Amino acid sequence: MTQIATVEQILNPQYAIVSVPRKSACGHDCEECAGCGVTGAAVRAKAANPIGAAPGQKVVVQSDTKKMLRIVALVYLTPVVLFLAGYLLTALLGASVGVQYFTAAVGFFAGIVAAVAYDRKLRARGGLSFTIVRLF
């Protein structure tokens, strides 16, 4: 995945801190809609700096697409899959509707807990790895 970032700080000759704007589904074309009031938040991340970019420069950074897709799948799909599994499993066992809803909610909550735990583990290991590939 390729994104545009701003170099904020040089850690050492090999690494820099970059600010990567978060992407959202709306595209932030606020003139076309009523405006949601959400501003484009940025994520600060450590990036390999093989080109020697300096603070303040706009750069193109690249991240591992497979790792990004794993994160997206975990965050968005796991809670939904566990919700459906809890509901369908209890339905197949002939449980009451109330038990089906409760089990589905527990599955959804377990998926959220798993996503948060994975996020914390990923942040402890340094988060996503970015590489500065060229100046923008």
C-alpha atoms as a PDB file:
ATOM      1  CA  MET A   1       0.000   0.000   0.000  1.00  0.00           C
ATOM      2  CA  THR A   2       1.436   3.372  -1.003  1.00  0.00           C
ATOM      3  CA  GLN A   3       0.573   6.620   0.793  1.00  0.00           C
ATOM      4  CA  ILE A   4       1.800  10.183   1.030  1.00  0.00           C
ATOM      5  CA  ALA A   5       3.316  11.224   4.354  1.00  0.00           C
ATOM      6  CA  THR A   6       5.244  14.075   5.944  1.00  0.00           C
ATOM      7  CA  VAL A   7       8.594  13.515   7.624  1.00  0.00           C
ATOM      8  CA  GLU A   8       8.346  14.907  11.156  1.00  0.00           C
ATOM      9  CA  GLN A   9      11.577  13.848  12.795  1.00  0.00           C
ATOM     10  CA  ILE A  10      14.803  12.009  12.021  1.00  0.00           C
ATOM     11  CA  LEU A  11      15.551   9.295  14.586  1.00  0.00           C
ATOM     12  CA  ASN A  12      18.894   8.213  13.109  1.00  0.00           C
ATOM     13  CA  PRO A  13      20.320   7.940   9.573  1.00  0.00           C
ATOM     14  CA  GLN A  14      18.195   4.850   8.861  1.00  0.00           C
ATOM     15  CA  TYR A  15      14.825   5.777  10.412  1.00  0.00           C
ATOM     16  CA  ALA A  16      12.431   8.713  10.591  1.00  0.00           C
ATOM     17  CA  ILE A  17       9.065   9.489  12.182  1.00  0.00           C
ATOM     18  CA  VAL A  18       6.435  10.194   9.538  1.00  0.00           C
ATOM     19  CA  SER A  19       2.887  11.488   9.770  1.00  0.00           C
ATOM     20  CA  VAL A  20       0.529   9.475   7.575  1.00  0.00           C
ATOM     21  CA  PRO A  21      -3.011  10.853   7.109  1.00  0.00           C
ATOM     22  CA  ARG A  22      -5.742   8.328   7.891  1.00  0.00           C
ATOM     23  CA  LYS A  23      -7.801   7.247   4.939  1.00  0.00           C
ATOM     24  CA  SER A  24     -11.557   7.072   5.236  1.00  0.00           C
ATOM     25  CA  ALA A  25     -14.325   5.812   3.026  1.00  0.00           C
ATOM     26  CA  CYS A  26     -15.832   9.262   2.478  1.00  0.00           C
ATOM     27  CA  GLY A  27     -12.773  10.782   0.799  1.00  0.00           C
ATOM     28  CA  HIS A  28     -13.346  14.038   2.736  1.00  0.00           C
ATOM     29  CA  ASP A  29     -15.086  15.752  -0.180  1.00  0.00           C
ATOM     30  CA  CYS A  30     -17.046  17.923   2.233  1.00  0.00           C
ATOM     31  CA  GLU A  31     -18.419  20.268  -0.426  1.00  0.00           C
ATOM     32  CA  GLU A  32     -20.418  17.398  -1.910  1.00  0.00           C
ATOM     33  CA  CYS A  33     -22.103  16.307   1.317  1.00  0.00           C
ATOM     34  CA  ALA A  34     -23.391  17.928   4.471  1.00  0.00           C
ATOM     35  CA  GLY A  35     -20.039  17.341   6.139  1.00  0.00           C
ATOM     36  CA  CYS A  36     -19.544  14.944   8.967  1.00  0.00           C
ATOM     37  CA  GLY A  37     -17.238  17.159  11.001  1.00  0.00           C
ATOM     38  CA  VAL A  38     -14.459  14.569  10.912  1.00  0.00           C
ATOM     39  CA  THR A  39     -11.054  16.000  10.188  1.00  0.00           C
ATOM     40  CA  GLY A  40      -8.327  13.950   8.582  1.00  0.00           C
ATOM     41  CA  ALA A  41      -6.461  12.591  11.589  1.00  0.00           C
ATOM     42  CA  ALA A  42      -2.867  11.481  11.106  1.00  0.00           C
ATOM     43  CA  VAL A  43      -0.973   8.454  12.360  1.00  0.00           C
ATOM     44  CA  ARG A  44       2.624   8.876  13.474  1.00  0.00           C
ATOM     45  CA  ALA A  45       4.798   5.924  12.544  1.00  0.00           C
ATOM     46  CA  LYS A  46       8.433   4.886  12.326  1.00  0.00           C
ATOM     47  CA  ALA A  47       9.638   4.470   8.748  1.00  0.00           C
ATOM     48  CA  ALA A  48      12.822   3.225   7.156  1.00  0.00           C
ATOM     49  CA  ASN A  49      14.526   6.182   5.467  1.00  0.00           C
ATOM     50  CA  PRO A  50      16.852   4.810   2.763  1.00  0.00           C
ATOM     51  CA  ILE A  51      16.628   8.010   0.670  1.00  0.00           C
ATOM     52  CA  GLY A  52      17.687  10.372   3.476  1.00  0.00           C
ATOM     53  CA  ALA A  53      14.518  12.492   3.581  1.00  0.00           C
ATOM     54  CA  ALA A  54      14.608  15.539   5.847  1.00  0.00           C
ATOM     55  CA  PRO A  55      12.008  16.844   8.330  1.00  0.00           C
ATOM     56  CA  GLY A  56       9.139  18.706   6.669  1.00  0.00           C
ATOM     57  CA  GLN A  57       9.447  16.955   3.321  1.00  0.00           C
ATOM     58  CA  LYS A  58       6.480  15.220   1.720  1.00  0.00           C
ATOM     59  CA  VAL A  59       7.358  11.635   0.855  1.00  0.00           C
ATOM     60  CA  VAL A  60       5.779   8.518  -0.582  1.00  0.00           C
ATOM     61  CA  VAL A  61       5.757   5.671   1.934  1.00  0.00           C
ATOM     62  CA  GLN A  62       5.001   2.035   1.289  1.00  0.00           C
ATOM     63  CA  SER A  63       3.678  -0.526   3.764  1.00  0.00           C
ATOM     64  CA  ASP A  64       3.209  -4.270   3.613  1.00  0.00           C
ATOM     65  CA  THR A  65      -0.148  -4.856   1.899  1.00  0.00           C
ATOM     66  CA  LYS A  66      -0.557  -8.395   3.293  1.00  0.00           C
ATOM     67  CA  LYS A  67      -0.115  -7.171   6.862  1.00  0.00           C
ATOM     68  CA  MET A  68      -2.582  -4.336   6.244  1.00  0.00           C
ATOM     69  CA  LEU A  69      -5.188  -6.753   4.871  1.00  0.00           C
ATOM     70  CA  ARG A  70      -4.737  -9.043   7.896  1.00  0.00           C
ATOM     71  CA  ILE A  71      -5.384  -6.096  10.197  1.00  0.00           C
ATOM     72  CA  VAL A  72      -8.459  -5.025   8.226  1.00  0.00           C
ATOM     73  CA  ALA A  73      -9.819  -8.577   8.240  1.00  0.00           C
ATOM     74  CA  LEU A  74      -9.283  -8.917  11.977  1.00  0.00           C
ATOM     75  CA  VAL A  75     -10.827  -5.594  12.876  1.00  0.00           C
ATOM     76  CA  TYR A  76     -13.850  -5.759  10.573  1.00  0.00           C
ATOM     77  CA  LEU A  77     -14.539  -9.408   9.874  1.00  0.00           C
ATOM     78  CA  THR A  78     -13.779 -11.194  13.151  1.00  0.00           C
ATOM     79  CA  PRO A  79     -16.553  -9.533  15.193  1.00  0.00           C
ATOM     80  CA  VAL A  80     -19.105 -10.135  12.427  1.00  0.00           C
ATOM     81  CA  VAL A  81     -18.063 -13.771  11.916  1.00  0.00           C
ATOM     82  CA  LEU A  82     -18.198 -14.478  15.669  1.00  0.00           C
ATOM     83  CA  PHE A  83     -21.587 -12.732  15.876  1.00  0.00           C
ATOM     84  CA  LEU A  84     -23.009 -14.907  13.109  1.00  0.00           C
ATOM     85  CA  ALA A  85     -21.357 -18.070  14.443  1.00  0.00           C
ATOM     86  CA  GLY A  86     -22.826 -17.511  17.901  1.00  0.00           C
ATOM     87  CA  TYR A  87     -26.275 -16.855  16.516  1.00  0.00           C
ATOM     88  CA  LEU A  88     -26.324 -19.724  14.023  1.00  0.00           C
ATOM     89  CA  LEU A  89     -24.772 -22.268  16.386  1.00  0.00           C
ATOM     90  CA  THR A  90     -27.358 -21.630  19.080  1.00  0.00           C
ATOM     91  CA  ALA A  91     -30.123 -21.619  16.455  1.00  0.00           C
ATOM     92  CA  LEU A  92     -29.004 -25.038  15.215  1.00  0.00           C
ATOM     93  CA  LEU A  93     -28.995 -26.319  18.810  1.00  0.00           C
ATOM     94  CA  GLY A  94     -32.607 -25.189  19.177  1.00  0.00           C
ATOM     95  CA  ALA A  95     -32.003 -22.492  21.792  1.00  0.00           C
ATOM     96  CA  SER A  96     -34.546 -19.747  22.398  1.00  0.00           C
ATOM     97  CA  VAL A  97     -34.335 -16.479  20.493  1.00  0.00           C
ATOM     98  CA  GLY A  98     -33.125 -14.663  23.601  1.00  0.00           C
ATOM     99  CA  VAL A  99     -30.222 -17.102  24.003  1.00  0.00           C
ATOM    100  CA  GLN A 100     -29.414 -16.745  20.304  1.00  0.00           C
ATOM    101  CA  TYR A 101     -29.210 -12.943  20.616  1.00  0.00           C
ATOM    102  CA  PHE A 102     -27.164 -13.171  23.792  1.00  0.00           C
ATOM    103  CA  THR A 103     -24.689 -15.628  22.274  1.00  0.00           C
ATOM    104  CA  ALA A 104     -24.399 -13.493  19.143  1.00  0.00           C
ATOM    105  CA  ALA A 105     -23.671 -10.401  21.273  1.00  0.00           C
ATOM    106  CA  VAL A 106     -21.038 -12.310  23.278  1.00  0.00           C
ATOM    107  CA  GLY A 107     -19.419 -13.440  20.014  1.00  0.00           C
ATOM    108  CA  PHE A 108     -19.370  -9.885  18.694  1.00  0.00           C
ATOM    109  CA  PHE A 109     -17.856  -8.597  21.947  1.00  0.00           C
ATOM    110  CA  ALA A 110     -15.219 -11.369  21.835  1.00  0.00           C
ATOM    111  CA  GLY A 111     -14.306 -10.256  18.309  1.00  0.00           C
ATOM    112  CA  ILE A 112     -13.884  -6.660  19.467  1.00  0.00           C
ATOM    113  CA  VAL A 113     -11.709  -7.804  22.398  1.00  0.00           C
ATOM    114  CA  ALA A 114      -9.562  -9.864  20.004  1.00  0.00           C
ATOM    115  CA  ALA A 115      -9.135  -6.876  17.676  1.00  0.00           C
ATOM    116  CA  VAL A 116      -8.120  -4.572  20.547  1.00  0.00           C
ATOM    117  CA  ALA A 117      -5.671  -7.173  21.907  1.00  0.00           C
ATOM    118  CA  TYR A 118      -4.102  -7.602  18.468  1.00  0.00           C
ATOM    119  CA  ASP A 119      -3.839  -3.815  18.063  1.00  0.00           C
ATOM    120  CA  ARG A 120      -2.002  -3.526  21.382  1.00  0.00           C
ATOM    121  CA  LYS A 121       0.326  -6.385  20.459  1.00  0.00           C
ATOM    122  CA  LEU A 122       1.026  -4.794  17.075  1.00  0.00           C
ATOM    123  CA  ARG A 123       1.766  -1.394  18.654  1.00  0.00           C
ATOM    124  CA  ALA A 124       4.134  -2.996  21.180  1.00  0.00           C
ATOM    125  CA  ARG A 125       6.090  -4.519  18.288  1.00  0.00           C
ATOM    126  CA  GLY A 126       6.299  -1.187  16.467  1.00  0.00           C
ATOM    127  CA  GLY A 127       3.048  -1.173  14.511  1.00  0.00           C
ATOM    128  CA  LEU A 128       2.983  -1.214  10.754  1.00  0.00           C
ATOM    129  CA  SER A 129       6.334  -0.942   9.056  1.00  0.00           C
ATOM    130  CA  PHE A 130       6.675   1.834   6.510  1.00  0.00           C
ATOM    131  CA  THR A 131       9.483   2.489   4.053  1.00  0.00           C
ATOM    132  CA  ILE A 132      10.085   5.873   2.441  1.00  0.00           C
ATOM    133  CA  VAL A 133      10.435   5.113  -1.274  1.00  0.00           C
ATOM    134  CA  ARG A 134      10.764   8.608  -2.801  1.00  0.00           C
ATOM    135  CA  LEU A 135      10.079  12.298  -2.362  1.00  0.00           C
ATOM    136  CA  PHE A 136       6.617  13.468  -3.339  1.00  0.00           C
END
